[in-house]
Amino acid sequence: MNKRQTLQAMLALSASALVTPRAMAQAASFPSKPIRIVVPFNAGSGSDSAARAYGEIMSRQLGQPVMVENRPGGSGLLAIQAVKSAPADGHTLLVGSTSPMCVMPVLTKNLPYDAFKDFRPVHGMSVGGSTFLVKGDSPYKTLPELLAAARKEKRILNVGNYSDGYMLVATWLGSVGGVQINHITYKGGIQAQTDLAAGQLDLAVNDSSGFMALAKEGRIRPLAITSDKRDPKLPDVPTMKELGFADFETYVFASLYARAETPDDITRKLADSVRAAMNSPEGKAFQAANAGNPMMLHMKELGDFQRSEYERFKRVADAAGIQPK
């Protein structure tokens, strides 16, 4: 090593020695004020309830109030802009879900944010597969039966959805099932389920928890789920993989994100607090009483998951010739 290289190494070592105590001081003093979790949905939604339940436990751990702020609208853009414009100090978090973090980057041109560059993953909250549903008294007992009948009759399937993500899931089904899909888009899952129960749709796509009420009444029936394993709360519903669609796997999720520039030590402290809250007796009780499954992904694990879901949706869109608008 020459003198210049030696000097550079010494300077780097000195810089790291200065950074470490500073980082430790940042983590020790954080949080210095209330933490705000911005939710892009109305109060009472599944993501909102999870943020409130875990936030209350986190507030006791961190010694500061954790407040939930609802900012619905604009397909999540209002909430995203609120967090993007806040200081990158860990005191403002976003509840990011499948649509704004994975689907909109595939389907939307000129987004006012970059889901991967503007935000950094903190920790997951809830996750589940998408579910294919039919009318309760449908003659088709399995999804392959329905697809085979549509192919034989050369029939277009009317499939209800209420988001671009579910539209892509239905598009994917049409591709692997060899059938034509007519997308019927709704403003919410309840409207789609109501029309399905009334026989106005052949099929509907919903998250793995939002249809329980009508299913218990026997008005609709789940045929398949897109997760890699059966949902513990839907043990009789087979996965798409079990039905022979080997690569058909995708999820609906809600997770916490911070501004991308938030320091590592603060992000890690937040992630550890979320995990501790989810593993606490109160967190376990919340999970048992509510739909969805706990998403125990920490920082990099969550980032890898988000990237894989984005790439999955992009492959589906590219194969179907769907261009960003």
C-alpha atoms as a PDB file:
ATOM      1  CA  MET A   1       0.000   0.000   0.000  1.00  0.00           C
ATOM      2  CA  ASN A   2       1.513   3.408  -1.007  1.00  0.00           C
ATOM      3  CA  LYS A   3       1.374   6.573   1.095  1.00  0.00           C
ATOM      4  CA  ARG A   4      -1.708   7.908  -0.705  1.00  0.00           C
ATOM      5  CA  GLN A   5      -3.644   4.678  -0.203  1.00  0.00           C
ATOM      6  CA  THR A   6      -2.593   4.599   3.443  1.00  0.00           C
ATOM      7  CA  LEU A   7      -3.814   8.177   3.948  1.00  0.00           C
ATOM      8  CA  GLN A   8      -7.144   7.406   2.268  1.00  0.00           C
ATOM      9  CA  ALA A   9      -7.635   4.359   4.482  1.00  0.00           C
ATOM     10  CA  MET A  10      -6.864   6.387   7.609  1.00  0.00           C
ATOM     11  CA  LEU A  11      -9.313   9.111   6.592  1.00  0.00           C
ATOM     12  CA  ALA A  12     -12.032   6.548   5.895  1.00  0.00           C
ATOM     13  CA  LEU A  13     -11.457   4.919   9.268  1.00  0.00           C
ATOM     14  CA  SER A  14     -11.574   8.299  11.004  1.00  0.00           C
ATOM     15  CA  ALA A  15     -14.824   9.185   9.206  1.00  0.00           C
ATOM     16  CA  SER A  16     -16.437   5.903  10.217  1.00  0.00           C
ATOM     17  CA  ALA A  17     -15.362   6.475  13.809  1.00  0.00           C
ATOM     18  CA  LEU A  18     -17.136   9.833  13.739  1.00  0.00           C
ATOM     19  CA  VAL A  19     -20.267   8.515  12.039  1.00  0.00           C
ATOM     20  CA  THR A  20     -20.878   5.645  14.429  1.00  0.00           C
ATOM     21  CA  PRO A  21     -21.283   7.753  17.613  1.00  0.00           C
ATOM     22  CA  ARG A  22     -23.437  10.217  15.676  1.00  0.00           C
ATOM     23  CA  ALA A  23     -25.669   7.413  14.439  1.00  0.00           C
ATOM     24  CA  MET A  24     -25.878   5.983  17.935  1.00  0.00           C
ATOM     25  CA  ALA A  25     -26.886   9.402  19.273  1.00  0.00           C
ATOM     26  CA  GLN A  26     -29.592   9.709  16.603  1.00  0.00           C
ATOM     27  CA  ALA A  27     -31.090   6.354  17.519  1.00  0.00           C
ATOM     28  CA  ALA A  28     -30.884   7.061  21.252  1.00  0.00           C
ATOM     29  CA  SER A  29     -32.749  10.375  20.933  1.00  0.00           C
ATOM     30  CA  PHE A  30     -35.373   9.025  18.523  1.00  0.00           C
ATOM     31  CA  PRO A  31     -38.289   9.578  18.680  1.00  0.00           C
ATOM     32  CA  SER A  32     -38.195  13.143  19.964  1.00  0.00           C
ATOM     33  CA  LYS A  33     -41.830  13.904  19.134  1.00  0.00           C
ATOM     34  CA  PRO A  34     -45.044  12.024  18.211  1.00  0.00           C
ATOM     35  CA  ILE A  35     -44.848   9.612  15.280  1.00  0.00           C
ATOM     36  CA  ARG A  36     -47.452   9.977  12.534  1.00  0.00           C
ATOM     37  CA  ILE A  37     -48.619   7.001  10.436  1.00  0.00           C
ATOM     38  CA  VAL A  38     -50.341   8.218   7.270  1.00  0.00           C
ATOM     39  CA  VAL A  39     -52.945   5.763   5.961  1.00  0.00           C
ATOM     40  CA  PRO A  40     -54.251   6.139   2.362  1.00  0.00           C
ATOM     41  CA  PHE A  41     -57.604   4.576   3.335  1.00  0.00           C
ATOM     42  CA  ASN A  42     -60.614   5.532   5.412  1.00  0.00           C
ATOM     43  CA  ALA A  43     -60.796   4.853   9.128  1.00  0.00           C
ATOM     44  CA  GLY A  44     -62.008   1.327   9.832  1.00  0.00           C
ATOM     45  CA  SER A  45     -60.216  -0.334   6.918  1.00  0.00           C
ATOM     46  CA  GLY A  46     -57.988  -3.322   7.600  1.00  0.00           C
ATOM     47  CA  SER A  47     -54.783  -1.318   7.148  1.00  0.00           C
ATOM     48  CA  ASP A  48     -56.096   1.477   9.336  1.00  0.00           C
ATOM     49  CA  SER A  49     -57.031  -0.952  12.114  1.00  0.00           C
ATOM     50  CA  ALA A  50     -53.601  -2.617  11.981  1.00  0.00           C
ATOM     51  CA  ALA A  51     -51.786   0.725  12.071  1.00  0.00           C
ATOM     52  CA  ARG A  52     -53.819   1.798  15.110  1.00  0.00           C
ATOM     53  CA  ALA A  53     -53.394  -1.497  16.965  1.00  0.00           C
ATOM     54  CA  TYR A  54     -49.641  -1.781  16.421  1.00  0.00           C
ATOM     55  CA  GLY A  55     -49.131   1.972  16.799  1.00  0.00           C
ATOM     56  CA  GLU A  56     -50.638   1.923  20.274  1.00  0.00           C
ATOM     57  CA  ILE A  57     -48.218  -0.814  21.350  1.00  0.00           C
ATOM     58  CA  MET A  58     -45.282   0.983  19.719  1.00  0.00           C
ATOM     59  CA  SER A  59     -46.093   4.194  21.582  1.00  0.00           C
ATOM     60  CA  ARG A  60     -45.480   2.413  24.885  1.00  0.00           C
ATOM     61  CA  GLN A  61     -42.206   0.975  23.603  1.00  0.00           C
ATOM     62  CA  LEU A  62     -40.880   4.227  22.143  1.00  0.00           C
ATOM     63  CA  GLY A  63     -42.160   6.656  24.745  1.00  0.00           C
ATOM     64  CA  GLN A  64     -43.981   8.915  22.274  1.00  0.00           C
ATOM     65  CA  PRO A  65     -47.550   8.910  20.935  1.00  0.00           C
ATOM     66  CA  VAL A  66     -48.069   7.125  17.621  1.00  0.00           C
ATOM     67  CA  MET A  67     -50.942   8.783  15.793  1.00  0.00           C
ATOM     68  CA  VAL A  68     -52.795   7.576  12.702  1.00  0.00           C
ATOM     69  CA  GLU A  69     -53.809  10.106  10.057  1.00  0.00           C
ATOM     70  CA  ASN A  70     -56.232   9.046   7.328  1.00  0.00           C
ATOM     71  CA  ARG A  71     -55.650  10.591   3.906  1.00  0.00           C
ATOM     72  CA  PRO A  72     -57.743   8.631   1.391  1.00  0.00           C
ATOM     73  CA  GLY A  73     -57.988   9.651  -2.243  1.00  0.00           C
ATOM     74  CA  GLY A  74     -56.051   9.769  -5.461  1.00  0.00           C
ATOM     75  CA  SER A  75     -55.255   6.038  -5.381  1.00  0.00           C
ATOM     76  CA  GLY A  76     -53.000   6.682  -2.410  1.00  0.00           C
ATOM     77  CA  LEU A  77     -51.331   9.798  -3.859  1.00  0.00           C
ATOM     78  CA  LEU A  78     -52.563  12.142  -1.123  1.00  0.00           C
ATOM     79  CA  ALA A  79     -50.987  10.006   1.593  1.00  0.00           C
ATOM     80  CA  ILE A  80     -47.831   9.454  -0.433  1.00  0.00           C
ATOM     81  CA  GLN A  81     -47.312  13.158  -1.038  1.00  0.00           C
ATOM     82  CA  ALA A  82     -47.858  13.900   2.654  1.00  0.00           C
ATOM     83  CA  VAL A  83     -45.076  11.501   3.648  1.00  0.00           C
ATOM     84  CA  LYS A  84     -42.805  12.468   0.762  1.00  0.00           C
ATOM     85  CA  SER A  85     -42.949  16.136   1.805  1.00  0.00           C
ATOM     86  CA  ALA A  86     -42.344  15.433   5.508  1.00  0.00           C
ATOM     87  CA  PRO A  87     -38.838  15.497   7.032  1.00  0.00           C
ATOM     88  CA  ALA A  88     -36.868  12.265   6.607  1.00  0.00           C
ATOM     89  CA  ASP A  89     -36.433  11.819  10.346  1.00  0.00           C
ATOM     90  CA  GLY A  90     -38.594   8.732  10.966  1.00  0.00           C
ATOM     91  CA  HIS A  91     -41.433  10.661  12.599  1.00  0.00           C
ATOM     92  CA  THR A  92     -43.741  10.260   9.568  1.00  0.00           C
ATOM     93  CA  LEU A  93     -44.522   6.825   8.141  1.00  0.00           C
ATOM     94  CA  LEU A  94     -46.624   5.621   5.217  1.00  0.00           C
ATOM     95  CA  VAL A  95     -48.867   2.595   5.071  1.00  0.00           C
ATOM     96  CA  GLY A  96     -47.896   1.326   1.635  1.00  0.00           C
ATOM     97  CA  SER A  97     -49.946  -1.376  -0.064  1.00  0.00           C
ATOM     98  CA  THR A  98     -49.865  -3.450  -3.235  1.00  0.00           C
ATOM     99  CA  SER A  99     -51.400  -0.819  -5.504  1.00  0.00           C
ATOM    100  CA  PRO A 100     -49.169   2.237  -4.929  1.00  0.00           C
ATOM    101  CA  MET A 101     -45.974   0.292  -4.195  1.00  0.00           C
ATOM    102  CA  CYS A 102     -46.126  -2.392  -6.914  1.00  0.00           C
ATOM    103  CA  VAL A 103     -48.984  -1.933  -9.407  1.00  0.00           C
ATOM    104  CA  MET A 104     -49.118   1.796 -10.139  1.00  0.00           C
ATOM    105  CA  PRO A 105     -45.384   1.861 -11.006  1.00  0.00           C
ATOM    106  CA  VAL A 106     -46.202  -0.709 -13.725  1.00  0.00           C
ATOM    107  CA  LEU A 107     -49.381   0.840 -15.111  1.00  0.00           C
ATOM    108  CA  THR A 108     -49.012   4.596 -14.603  1.00  0.00           C
ATOM    109  CA  LYS A 109     -46.843   7.009 -16.558  1.00  0.00           C
ATOM    110  CA  ASN A 110     -45.242   9.997 -14.879  1.00  0.00           C
ATOM    111  CA  LEU A 111     -46.033   9.039 -11.312  1.00  0.00           C
ATOM    112  CA  PRO A 112     -45.184  11.901  -8.940  1.00  0.00           C
ATOM    113  CA  TYR A 113     -43.151   9.476  -6.847  1.00  0.00           C
ATOM    114  CA  ASP A 114     -40.800   6.520  -7.232  1.00  0.00           C
ATOM    115  CA  ALA A 115     -41.935   3.607  -5.096  1.00  0.00           C
ATOM    116  CA  PHE A 116     -38.370   2.325  -4.783  1.00  0.00           C
ATOM    117  CA  LYS A 117     -36.282   5.510  -4.677  1.00  0.00           C
ATOM    118  CA  ASP A 118     -38.484   7.823  -2.605  1.00  0.00           C
ATOM    119  CA  PHE A 119     -39.367   5.391   0.193  1.00  0.00           C
ATOM    120  CA  ARG A 120     -37.557   2.738   2.165  1.00  0.00           C
ATOM    121  CA  PRO A 121     -39.235  -0.355   3.631  1.00  0.00           C
ATOM    122  CA  VAL A 122     -39.588  -0.477   7.409  1.00  0.00           C
ATOM    123  CA  HIS A 123     -41.672  -3.542   8.283  1.00  0.00           C
ATOM    124  CA  GLY A 124     -44.665  -5.513   7.052  1.00  0.00           C
ATOM    125  CA  MET A 125     -48.047  -5.530   8.784  1.00  0.00           C
ATOM    126  CA  SER A 126     -50.453  -7.828   6.947  1.00  0.00           C
ATOM    127  CA  VAL A 127     -50.448 -10.050   3.866  1.00  0.00           C
ATOM    128  CA  GLY A 128     -52.725 -12.492   2.053  1.00  0.00           C
ATOM    129  CA  GLY A 129     -53.433 -13.873  -1.381  1.00  0.00           C
ATOM    130  CA  SER A 130     -55.984 -12.686  -3.902  1.00  0.00           C
ATOM    131  CA  THR A 131     -59.014 -14.960  -4.100  1.00  0.00           C
ATOM    132  CA  PHE A 132     -61.158 -16.031  -7.049  1.00  0.00           C
ATOM    133  CA  LEU A 133     -64.848 -16.117  -6.133  1.00  0.00           C
ATOM    134  CA  VAL A 134     -68.014 -17.474  -7.745  1.00  0.00           C
ATOM    135  CA  LYS A 135     -71.709 -17.270  -6.911  1.00  0.00           C
ATOM    136  CA  GLY A 136     -72.677 -19.472  -3.966  1.00  0.00           C
ATOM    137  CA  ASP A 137     -74.782 -21.871  -6.053  1.00  0.00           C
ATOM    138  CA  SER A 138     -72.403 -21.943  -9.035  1.00  0.00           C
ATOM    139  CA  PRO A 139     -72.330 -25.366 -10.720  1.00  0.00           C
ATOM    140  CA  TYR A 140     -68.531 -25.132 -10.852  1.00  0.00           C
ATOM    141  CA  LYS A 141     -66.857 -26.648  -7.813  1.00  0.00           C
ATOM    142  CA  THR A 142     -63.301 -25.847  -8.898  1.00  0.00           C
ATOM    143  CA  LEU A 143     -61.621 -23.108 -10.895  1.00  0.00           C
ATOM    144  CA  PRO A 144     -60.326 -25.554 -13.559  1.00  0.00           C
ATOM    145  CA  GLU A 145     -63.952 -26.692 -14.118  1.00  0.00           C
ATOM    146  CA  LEU A 146     -65.038 -23.108 -14.759  1.00  0.00           C
ATOM    147  CA  LEU A 147     -62.133 -22.436 -17.106  1.00  0.00           C
ATOM    148  CA  ALA A 148     -62.726 -25.688 -19.015  1.00  0.00           C
ATOM    149  CA  ALA A 149     -66.415 -24.822 -19.493  1.00  0.00           C
ATOM    150  CA  ALA A 150     -65.551 -21.327 -20.759  1.00  0.00           C
ATOM    151  CA  ARG A 151     -63.042 -22.762 -23.252  1.00  0.00           C
ATOM    152  CA  LYS A 152     -65.479 -25.412 -24.467  1.00  0.00           C
ATOM    153  CA  GLU A 153     -68.295 -22.890 -24.925  1.00  0.00           C
ATOM    154  CA  LYS A 154     -65.922 -20.226 -26.292  1.00  0.00           C
ATOM    155  CA  ARG A 155     -67.404 -17.964 -23.649  1.00  0.00           C
ATOM    156  CA  ILE A 156     -65.919 -14.686 -22.415  1.00  0.00           C
ATOM    157  CA  LEU A 157     -65.779 -14.550 -18.617  1.00  0.00           C
ATOM    158  CA  ASN A 158     -67.084 -11.407 -16.931  1.00  0.00           C
ATOM    159  CA  VAL A 159     -64.730 -10.868 -14.003  1.00  0.00           C
ATOM    160  CA  GLY A 160     -65.303  -8.209 -11.351  1.00  0.00           C
ATOM    161  CA  ASN A 161     -62.447  -6.296  -9.760  1.00  0.00           C
ATOM    162  CA  TYR A 162     -61.966  -3.036  -7.898  1.00  0.00           C
ATOM    163  CA  SER A 163     -58.329  -2.164  -8.516  1.00  0.00           C
ATOM    164  CA  ASP A 164     -55.690  -2.296 -11.219  1.00  0.00           C
ATOM    165  CA  GLY A 165     -53.896  -4.997  -9.257  1.00  0.00           C
ATOM    166  CA  TYR A 166     -56.921  -7.290  -9.330  1.00  0.00           C
ATOM    167  CA  MET A 167     -57.371  -6.452 -13.018  1.00  0.00           C
ATOM    168  CA  LEU A 168     -53.844  -7.748 -13.647  1.00  0.00           C
ATOM    169  CA  VAL A 169     -54.559 -10.874 -11.591  1.00  0.00           C
ATOM    170  CA  ALA A 170     -57.651 -11.534 -13.747  1.00  0.00           C
ATOM    171  CA  THR A 171     -55.620 -10.877 -16.903  1.00  0.00           C
ATOM    172  CA  TRP A 172     -53.072 -13.407 -15.708  1.00  0.00           C
ATOM    173  CA  LEU A 173     -55.848 -15.954 -15.124  1.00  0.00           C
ATOM    174  CA  GLY A 174     -57.108 -15.456 -18.667  1.00  0.00           C
ATOM    175  CA  SER A 175     -53.623 -16.021 -20.034  1.00  0.00           C
ATOM    176  CA  VAL A 176     -52.839 -19.224 -18.140  1.00  0.00           C
ATOM    177  CA  GLY A 177     -56.418 -20.506 -18.389  1.00  0.00           C
ATOM    178  CA  GLY A 178     -56.766 -19.953 -22.110  1.00  0.00           C
ATOM    179  CA  VAL A 179     -59.933 -17.867 -21.802  1.00  0.00           C
ATOM    180  CA  GLN A 180     -60.994 -14.339 -22.696  1.00  0.00           C
ATOM    181  CA  ILE A 181     -61.645 -11.968 -19.814  1.00  0.00           C
ATOM    182  CA  ASN A 182     -64.030  -9.015 -19.773  1.00  0.00           C
ATOM    183  CA  HIS A 183     -62.976  -6.769 -16.907  1.00  0.00           C
ATOM    184  CA  ILE A 184     -65.823  -5.214 -14.903  1.00  0.00           C
ATOM    185  CA  THR A 185     -64.371  -2.585 -12.598  1.00  0.00           C
ATOM    186  CA  TYR A 186     -66.047  -1.431  -9.379  1.00  0.00           C
ATOM    187  CA  LYS A 187     -65.267   1.215  -6.783  1.00  0.00           C
ATOM    188  CA  GLY A 188     -65.143  -1.372  -4.000  1.00  0.00           C
ATOM    189  CA  GLY A 189     -65.214  -5.077  -3.279  1.00  0.00           C
ATOM    190  CA  ILE A 190     -68.689  -5.095  -1.750  1.00  0.00           C
ATOM    191  CA  GLN A 191     -70.326  -3.891  -4.985  1.00  0.00           C
ATOM    192  CA  ALA A 192     -68.492  -6.560  -6.992  1.00  0.00           C
ATOM    193  CA  GLN A 193     -69.485  -9.289  -4.537  1.00  0.00           C
ATOM    194  CA  THR A 194     -73.112  -8.162  -4.566  1.00  0.00           C
ATOM    195  CA  ASP A 195     -73.261  -8.391  -8.362  1.00  0.00           C
ATOM    196  CA  LEU A 196     -71.482 -11.745  -8.243  1.00  0.00           C
ATOM    197  CA  ALA A 197     -74.042 -13.093  -5.769  1.00  0.00           C
ATOM    198  CA  ALA A 198     -76.822 -11.797  -8.044  1.00  0.00           C
ATOM    199  CA  GLY A 199     -75.406 -13.716 -11.021  1.00  0.00           C
ATOM    200  CA  GLN A 200     -74.232 -10.681 -12.982  1.00  0.00           C
ATOM    201  CA  LEU A 201     -70.595 -11.841 -12.981  1.00  0.00           C
ATOM    202  CA  ASP A 202     -68.926 -15.146 -13.723  1.00  0.00           C
ATOM    203  CA  LEU A 203     -66.087 -14.531 -11.321  1.00  0.00           C
ATOM    204  CA  ALA A 204     -64.697 -11.877  -8.991  1.00  0.00           C
ATOM    205  CA  VAL A 205     -61.262 -11.187  -7.533  1.00  0.00           C
ATOM    206  CA  ASN A 206     -60.930 -10.032  -3.928  1.00  0.00           C
ATOM    207  CA  ASP A 207     -58.397 -10.106  -1.144  1.00  0.00           C
ATOM    208  CA  SER A 208     -58.428 -13.198   1.045  1.00  0.00           C
ATOM    209  CA  SER A 209     -60.458 -11.591   3.816  1.00  0.00           C
ATOM    210  CA  GLY A 210     -62.894  -9.065   2.388  1.00  0.00           C
ATOM    211  CA  PHE A 211     -65.620 -11.503   1.359  1.00  0.00           C
ATOM    212  CA  MET A 212     -66.184 -13.435   4.586  1.00  0.00           C
ATOM    213  CA  ALA A 213     -69.649 -12.035   5.369  1.00  0.00           C
ATOM    214  CA  LEU A 214     -71.262 -13.057   2.073  1.00  0.00           C
ATOM    215  CA  ALA A 215     -69.378 -16.354   2.053  1.00  0.00           C
ATOM    216  CA  LYS A 216     -70.773 -17.251   5.494  1.00  0.00           C
ATOM    217  CA  GLU A 217     -74.243 -16.544   4.144  1.00  0.00           C
ATOM    218  CA  GLY A 218     -73.553 -18.924   1.249  1.00  0.00           C
ATOM    219  CA  ARG A 219     -74.073 -16.211  -1.346  1.00  0.00           C
ATOM    220  CA  ILE A 220     -70.532 -16.425  -2.759  1.00  0.00           C
ATOM    221  CA  ARG A 221     -67.864 -19.123  -2.666  1.00  0.00           C
ATOM    222  CA  PRO A 222     -64.059 -18.996  -2.955  1.00  0.00           C
ATOM    223  CA  LEU A 223     -62.489 -21.336  -5.524  1.00  0.00           C
ATOM    224  CA  ALA A 224     -58.768 -20.563  -5.294  1.00  0.00           C
ATOM    225  CA  ILE A 225     -56.191 -18.342  -3.608  1.00  0.00           C
ATOM    226  CA  THR A 226     -52.991 -16.943  -5.117  1.00  0.00           C
ATOM    227  CA  SER A 227     -50.640 -17.334  -2.131  1.00  0.00           C
ATOM    228  CA  ASP A 228     -48.018 -20.079  -2.167  1.00  0.00           C
ATOM    229  CA  LYS A 229     -49.709 -21.854   0.750  1.00  0.00           C
ATOM    230  CA  ARG A 230     -53.290 -22.210   1.895  1.00  0.00           C
ATOM    231  CA  ASP A 231     -54.550 -19.416   4.122  1.00  0.00           C
ATOM    232  CA  PRO A 232     -54.967 -20.688   7.717  1.00  0.00           C
ATOM    233  CA  LYS A 233     -58.287 -18.829   7.829  1.00  0.00           C
ATOM    234  CA  LEU A 234     -59.404 -20.471   4.543  1.00  0.00           C
ATOM    235  CA  PRO A 235     -58.052 -24.010   4.985  1.00  0.00           C
ATOM    236  CA  ASP A 236     -60.388 -25.574   2.408  1.00  0.00           C
ATOM    237  CA  VAL A 237     -59.485 -23.193  -0.418  1.00  0.00           C
ATOM    238  CA  PRO A 238     -56.704 -24.557  -2.676  1.00  0.00           C
ATOM    239  CA  THR A 239     -53.846 -22.458  -3.990  1.00  0.00           C
ATOM    240  CA  MET A 240     -53.401 -21.802  -7.685  1.00  0.00           C
ATOM    241  CA  LYS A 241     -50.222 -23.874  -7.504  1.00  0.00           C
ATOM    242  CA  GLU A 242     -52.179 -26.837  -6.154  1.00  0.00           C
ATOM    243  CA  LEU A 243     -54.559 -26.497  -9.095  1.00  0.00           C
ATOM    244  CA  GLY A 244     -51.733 -26.852 -11.595  1.00  0.00           C
ATOM    245  CA  PHE A 245     -50.750 -23.220 -12.203  1.00  0.00           C
ATOM    246  CA  ALA A 246     -47.185 -23.569 -10.987  1.00  0.00           C
ATOM    247  CA  ASP A 247     -46.048 -19.936 -11.193  1.00  0.00           C
ATOM    248  CA  PHE A 248     -49.334 -18.264 -10.246  1.00  0.00           C
ATOM    249  CA  GLU A 249     -48.431 -16.578  -6.987  1.00  0.00           C
ATOM    250  CA  THR A 250     -49.148 -13.009  -5.853  1.00  0.00           C
ATOM    251  CA  TYR A 251     -50.233 -11.158  -2.722  1.00  0.00           C
ATOM    252  CA  VAL A 252     -52.155  -8.261  -1.240  1.00  0.00           C
ATOM    253  CA  PHE A 253     -50.165  -6.552   1.496  1.00  0.00           C
ATOM    254  CA  ALA A 254     -49.906  -3.519   3.770  1.00  0.00           C
ATOM    255  CA  SER A 255     -46.567  -2.377   5.190  1.00  0.00           C
ATOM    256  CA  LEU A 256     -44.872   0.602   6.759  1.00  0.00           C
ATOM    257  CA  TYR A 257     -42.468   2.800   4.787  1.00  0.00           C
ATOM    258  CA  ALA A 258     -40.334   5.830   5.626  1.00  0.00           C
ATOM    259  CA  ARG A 259     -38.731   8.503   3.483  1.00  0.00           C
ATOM    260  CA  ALA A 260     -35.774   7.021   1.611  1.00  0.00           C
ATOM    261  CA  GLU A 261     -33.328   9.395   3.298  1.00  0.00           C
ATOM    262  CA  THR A 262     -34.300   8.282   6.815  1.00  0.00           C
ATOM    263  CA  PRO A 263     -31.115   7.161   8.624  1.00  0.00           C
ATOM    264  CA  ASP A 264     -30.468   3.430   8.901  1.00  0.00           C
ATOM    265  CA  ASP A 265     -30.373   3.399  12.705  1.00  0.00           C
ATOM    266  CA  ILE A 266     -33.720   5.163  13.023  1.00  0.00           C
ATOM    267  CA  THR A 267     -35.327   2.932  10.390  1.00  0.00           C
ATOM    268  CA  ARG A 268     -34.011  -0.143  12.172  1.00  0.00           C
ATOM    269  CA  LYS A 269     -35.326   1.097  15.520  1.00  0.00           C
ATOM    270  CA  LEU A 270     -38.765   1.582  13.963  1.00  0.00           C
ATOM    271  CA  ALA A 271     -38.683  -1.834  12.293  1.00  0.00           C
ATOM    272  CA  ASP A 272     -37.678  -3.511  15.546  1.00  0.00           C
ATOM    273  CA  SER A 273     -40.498  -1.735  17.357  1.00  0.00           C
ATOM    274  CA  VAL A 274     -43.093  -2.852  14.775  1.00  0.00           C
ATOM    275  CA  ARG A 275     -41.867  -6.438  15.017  1.00  0.00           C
ATOM    276  CA  ALA A 276     -41.981  -6.359  18.814  1.00  0.00           C
ATOM    277  CA  ALA A 277     -45.515  -4.941  18.689  1.00  0.00           C
ATOM    278  CA  MET A 278     -46.660  -7.666  16.310  1.00  0.00           C
ATOM    279  CA  ASN A 279     -45.089 -10.367  18.481  1.00  0.00           C
ATOM    280  CA  SER A 280     -46.564  -8.993  21.708  1.00  0.00           C
ATOM    281  CA  PRO A 281     -49.602 -10.643  23.348  1.00  0.00           C
ATOM    282  CA  GLU A 282     -51.742  -7.665  22.273  1.00  0.00           C
ATOM    283  CA  GLY A 283     -50.436  -7.923  18.714  1.00  0.00           C
ATOM    284  CA  LYS A 284     -51.159 -11.654  18.577  1.00  0.00           C
ATOM    285  CA  ALA A 285     -54.672 -11.043  19.907  1.00  0.00           C
ATOM    286  CA  PHE A 286     -55.291  -8.448  17.190  1.00  0.00           C
ATOM    287  CA  GLN A 287     -54.115 -10.873  14.493  1.00  0.00           C
ATOM    288  CA  ALA A 288     -56.351 -13.650  15.805  1.00  0.00           C
ATOM    289  CA  ALA A 289     -59.416 -11.406  15.830  1.00  0.00           C
ATOM    290  CA  ASN A 290     -58.913  -9.808  12.433  1.00  0.00           C
ATOM    291  CA  ALA A 291     -58.629 -10.891   8.812  1.00  0.00           C
ATOM    292  CA  GLY A 292     -55.314 -11.225   7.032  1.00  0.00           C
ATOM    293  CA  ASN A 293     -52.063 -12.769   8.193  1.00  0.00           C
ATOM    294  CA  PRO A 294     -49.096 -11.119   9.917  1.00  0.00           C
ATOM    295  CA  MET A 295     -46.361  -9.999   7.539  1.00  0.00           C
ATOM    296  CA  MET A 296     -43.114 -10.502   9.457  1.00  0.00           C
ATOM    297  CA  LEU A 297     -40.748  -8.931   6.919  1.00  0.00           C
ATOM    298  CA  HIS A 298     -38.033  -6.603   8.246  1.00  0.00           C
ATOM    299  CA  MET A 299     -36.491  -3.823   6.104  1.00  0.00           C
ATOM    300  CA  LYS A 300     -34.481  -5.595   3.361  1.00  0.00           C
ATOM    301  CA  GLU A 301     -36.802  -8.629   3.406  1.00  0.00           C
ATOM    302  CA  LEU A 302     -39.748  -6.324   2.769  1.00  0.00           C
ATOM    303  CA  GLY A 303     -37.863  -4.512   0.019  1.00  0.00           C
ATOM    304  CA  ASP A 304     -37.069  -7.795  -1.722  1.00  0.00           C
ATOM    305  CA  PHE A 305     -40.722  -8.835  -1.465  1.00  0.00           C
ATOM    306  CA  GLN A 306     -41.928  -5.516  -2.913  1.00  0.00           C
ATOM    307  CA  ARG A 307     -39.504  -5.819  -5.825  1.00  0.00           C
ATOM    308  CA  SER A 308     -40.601  -9.385  -6.597  1.00  0.00           C
ATOM    309  CA  GLU A 309     -44.295  -8.381  -6.615  1.00  0.00           C
ATOM    310  CA  TYR A 310     -43.556  -5.419  -8.897  1.00  0.00           C
ATOM    311  CA  GLU A 311     -41.653  -7.657 -11.314  1.00  0.00           C
ATOM    312  CA  ARG A 312     -44.480 -10.216 -11.277  1.00  0.00           C
ATOM    313  CA  PHE A 313     -47.069  -7.586 -12.222  1.00  0.00           C
ATOM    314  CA  LYS A 314     -44.756  -6.144 -14.885  1.00  0.00           C
ATOM    315  CA  ARG A 315     -44.361  -9.562 -16.529  1.00  0.00           C
ATOM    316  CA  VAL A 316     -48.142  -9.984 -16.637  1.00  0.00           C
ATOM    317  CA  ALA A 317     -48.668  -6.505 -18.100  1.00  0.00           C
ATOM    318  CA  ASP A 318     -45.900  -6.971 -20.694  1.00  0.00           C
ATOM    319  CA  ALA A 319     -47.219 -10.363 -21.765  1.00  0.00           C
ATOM    320  CA  ALA A 320     -50.728  -8.923 -22.193  1.00  0.00           C
ATOM    321  CA  GLY A 321     -49.465  -5.885 -24.078  1.00  0.00           C
ATOM    322  CA  ILE A 322     -50.765  -3.506 -21.383  1.00  0.00           C
ATOM    323  CA  GLN A 323     -48.938  -0.177 -21.637  1.00  0.00           C
ATOM    324  CA  PRO A 324     -48.623   2.450 -18.896  1.00  0.00           C
ATOM    325  CA  LYS A 325     -51.158   5.254 -19.187  1.00  0.00           C
END
